[in-house]
Amino acid sequence: MFRPMRRSRQQLPAEECIGILRQELRGVLSVLGDDGYPYGMPMNHWYCEEDGHLYFHCSKVGHRMESLLRCPKVSFCVYDQGFRKPGDWALNIRSVIVFGQARLVEDHDRAVEIAAKLALKFTQDQEYIAQEVARSGPAVAVFELIPEHITGKLVKES
């Protein structure tokens, strides 16, 4: 169902892909938008070690949510800051693409727990996180991306 990587020598090992998903703060979530147009948007995410799923939060209404409910198939692309080898101008970037199905987290307590874990990627201030969850919790939806295929590669921009 999923195509093999054409430039297989650039393919990243699975463990490295997971490391990038864990470490990087955001990526681009792509859904099937209105009238069949792709709709990609930057998203913060949290990678859960226990189940291997990615979690996101967003508003309960709007283009993104309508698109997810209409068609749960998505892709999520994450890439690192890149690096340059000494004496080389070209940037080397590691990227990961996750293909899978997105679904709402229906259990409110679980959704709040996930939103707090996502916030921990940005701040360790527990008081701030608790205040934000209490303030925004009722208006926020949490959804999970259940991976069907994960692939990563190293690209040199030259």
Protein backbone atom coordinates (compact mmCIF):
# COMPACT_ATOMS: atom_id res chain seq x y z
CA MET A 1 0.00 0.00 0.00
CA PHE A 2 2.82 2.44 0.83
CA ARG A 3 5.58 3.03 -1.66
CA PRO A 4 9.14 2.03 -0.85
CA MET A 5 11.58 4.91 -0.61
CA ARG A 6 13.15 5.52 -4.01
CA ARG A 7 16.48 6.68 -2.61
CA SER A 8 16.78 3.92 -0.04
CA ARG A 9 20.39 4.79 0.91
CA GLN A 10 19.01 7.97 2.50
CA GLN A 11 16.43 6.11 4.58
CA LEU A 12 16.66 6.55 8.34
CA PRO A 13 16.40 3.59 10.72
CA ALA A 14 13.07 3.25 12.55
CA GLU A 15 14.65 4.14 15.91
CA GLU A 16 15.99 7.41 14.49
CA CYS A 17 12.55 8.27 13.08
CA ILE A 18 10.98 7.74 16.50
CA GLY A 19 13.70 9.90 18.09
CA ILE A 20 12.87 12.77 15.73
CA LEU A 21 9.14 12.42 16.46
CA ARG A 22 9.89 12.49 20.19
CA GLN A 23 12.31 15.39 20.10
CA GLU A 24 10.96 17.89 17.59
CA LEU A 25 8.27 20.29 18.77
CA ARG A 26 6.13 20.60 15.67
CA GLY A 27 5.44 19.38 12.19
CA VAL A 28 2.91 19.77 9.39
CA LEU A 29 -0.32 17.79 9.51
CA SER A 30 -1.94 17.25 6.11
CA VAL A 31 -5.57 16.31 5.69
CA LEU A 32 -7.99 16.06 2.79
CA GLY A 33 -9.61 19.49 2.92
CA ASP A 34 -12.56 21.11 1.20
CA ASP A 35 -13.31 20.08 -2.39
CA GLY A 36 -10.47 17.52 -2.33
CA TYR A 37 -7.73 20.08 -1.81
CA PRO A 38 -4.88 19.09 0.51
CA TYR A 39 -4.82 21.13 3.69
CA GLY A 40 -1.57 21.26 5.64
CA MET A 41 -1.06 23.12 8.88
CA PRO A 42 1.72 23.40 11.46
CA MET A 43 0.91 21.43 14.61
CA ASN A 44 2.49 20.75 17.97
CA HIS A 45 2.50 17.06 18.80
CA TRP A 46 3.35 14.55 21.49
CA TYR A 47 4.71 11.09 20.70
CA CYS A 48 3.58 8.47 23.22
CA GLU A 49 6.18 5.78 23.91
CA GLU A 50 3.55 3.41 25.33
CA ASP A 51 1.32 3.07 22.28
CA GLY A 52 3.45 4.58 19.48
CA HIS A 53 0.73 7.09 18.60
CA LEU A 54 1.03 10.83 18.04
CA TYR A 55 -1.33 13.20 19.81
CA PHE A 56 -2.47 16.71 18.92
CA HIS A 57 -4.85 19.30 20.31
CA CYS A 58 -6.99 21.70 18.36
CA SER A 59 -10.31 23.50 18.39
CA LYS A 60 -13.47 21.43 18.30
CA VAL A 61 -14.68 23.42 15.27
CA GLY A 62 -13.17 24.59 12.01
CA HIS A 63 -11.65 23.42 8.75
CA ARG A 64 -9.16 21.02 10.35
CA MET A 65 -11.73 19.27 12.53
CA GLU A 66 -14.29 19.02 9.73
CA SER A 67 -11.64 17.53 7.45
CA LEU A 68 -10.53 14.99 10.08
CA LEU A 69 -14.10 13.88 10.71
CA ARG A 70 -14.84 13.59 6.97
CA CYS A 71 -11.69 11.61 6.14
CA PRO A 72 -9.44 10.28 8.93
CA LYS A 73 -6.48 9.49 6.63
CA VAL A 74 -3.66 11.95 7.29
CA SER A 75 0.05 12.44 6.95
CA PHE A 76 2.31 14.25 9.38
CA CYS A 77 5.75 15.54 8.40
CA VAL A 78 8.40 16.47 10.97
CA TYR A 79 11.92 17.66 10.24
CA ASP A 80 14.86 18.68 12.37
CA GLN A 81 16.93 21.88 12.29
CA GLY A 82 19.58 20.24 10.14
CA PHE A 83 23.35 20.34 10.32
CA ARG A 84 26.29 21.29 8.13
CA LYS A 85 29.39 19.19 7.78
CA PRO A 86 32.60 21.17 8.41
CA GLY A 87 33.55 23.18 5.33
CA ASP A 88 30.30 22.39 3.50
CA TRP A 89 27.60 24.96 2.74
CA ALA A 90 24.80 22.43 2.24
CA LEU A 91 22.35 21.75 5.02
CA ASN A 92 21.59 18.12 5.91
CA ILE A 93 18.03 17.63 7.14
CA ARG A 94 16.41 14.56 8.66
CA SER A 95 12.68 14.30 8.02
CA VAL A 96 10.00 11.81 9.03
CA ILE A 97 6.59 11.27 7.46
CA VAL A 98 3.88 9.40 9.32
CA PHE A 99 0.87 8.07 7.43
CA GLY A 100 -2.12 6.90 9.40
CA GLN A 101 -5.63 7.36 10.69
CA ALA A 102 -6.68 10.16 13.04
CA ARG A 103 -9.44 9.78 15.61
CA LEU A 104 -10.80 11.89 18.42
CA VAL A 105 -9.93 10.99 21.98
CA GLU A 106 -13.44 10.70 23.41
CA ASP A 107 -12.45 10.14 27.07
CA HIS A 108 -12.27 13.66 28.57
CA ASP A 109 -9.89 12.69 31.39
CA ARG A 110 -7.52 11.03 28.92
CA ALA A 111 -7.70 14.08 26.63
CA VAL A 112 -6.77 16.38 29.53
CA GLU A 113 -3.87 14.08 30.48
CA ILE A 114 -2.59 14.12 26.89
CA ALA A 115 -2.91 17.91 26.59
CA ALA A 116 -0.82 18.28 29.76
CA LYS A 117 1.87 15.93 28.39
CA LEU A 118 1.95 17.90 25.16
CA ALA A 119 2.41 21.11 27.16
CA LEU A 120 5.39 19.55 28.98
CA LYS A 121 7.32 19.68 25.69
CA PHE A 122 7.26 23.47 26.00
CA THR A 123 7.34 24.20 29.73
CA GLN A 124 7.89 22.37 33.01
CA ASP A 125 5.72 24.91 34.85
CA GLN A 126 3.04 22.60 36.29
CA GLU A 127 0.99 25.49 37.67
CA TYR A 128 0.82 27.16 34.27
CA ILE A 129 -0.14 23.87 32.59
CA ALA A 130 -2.92 23.22 35.11
CA GLN A 131 -4.29 26.74 34.61
CA GLU A 132 -4.26 26.42 30.82
CA VAL A 133 -5.93 23.00 30.88
CA ALA A 134 -8.62 24.32 33.26
CA ARG A 135 -9.19 27.46 31.16
CA SER A 136 -9.06 25.94 27.67
CA GLY A 137 -10.01 22.33 28.37
CA PRO A 138 -13.72 22.55 27.51
CA ALA A 139 -13.01 24.11 24.09
CA VAL A 140 -10.14 21.82 23.10
CA ALA A 141 -10.29 18.57 21.21
CA VAL A 142 -7.50 16.01 21.36
CA PHE A 143 -6.97 13.53 18.58
CA GLU A 144 -4.54 10.72 18.04
CA LEU A 145 -2.74 9.68 14.91
CA ILE A 146 -2.45 5.91 14.72
CA PRO A 147 0.52 5.25 12.45
CA GLU A 148 0.19 2.81 9.57
CA HIS A 149 3.53 3.67 7.96
CA ILE A 150 6.51 5.72 9.15
CA THR A 151 9.42 6.60 6.94
CA GLY A 152 12.34 8.96 7.36
CA LYS A 153 15.26 10.15 5.32
CA LEU A 154 18.36 12.29 5.40
CA VAL A 155 18.48 14.89 2.63
CA LYS A 156 21.47 17.03 1.72
CA GLU A 157 20.41 20.34 0.18
CA SER A 158 22.93 20.45 -2.63
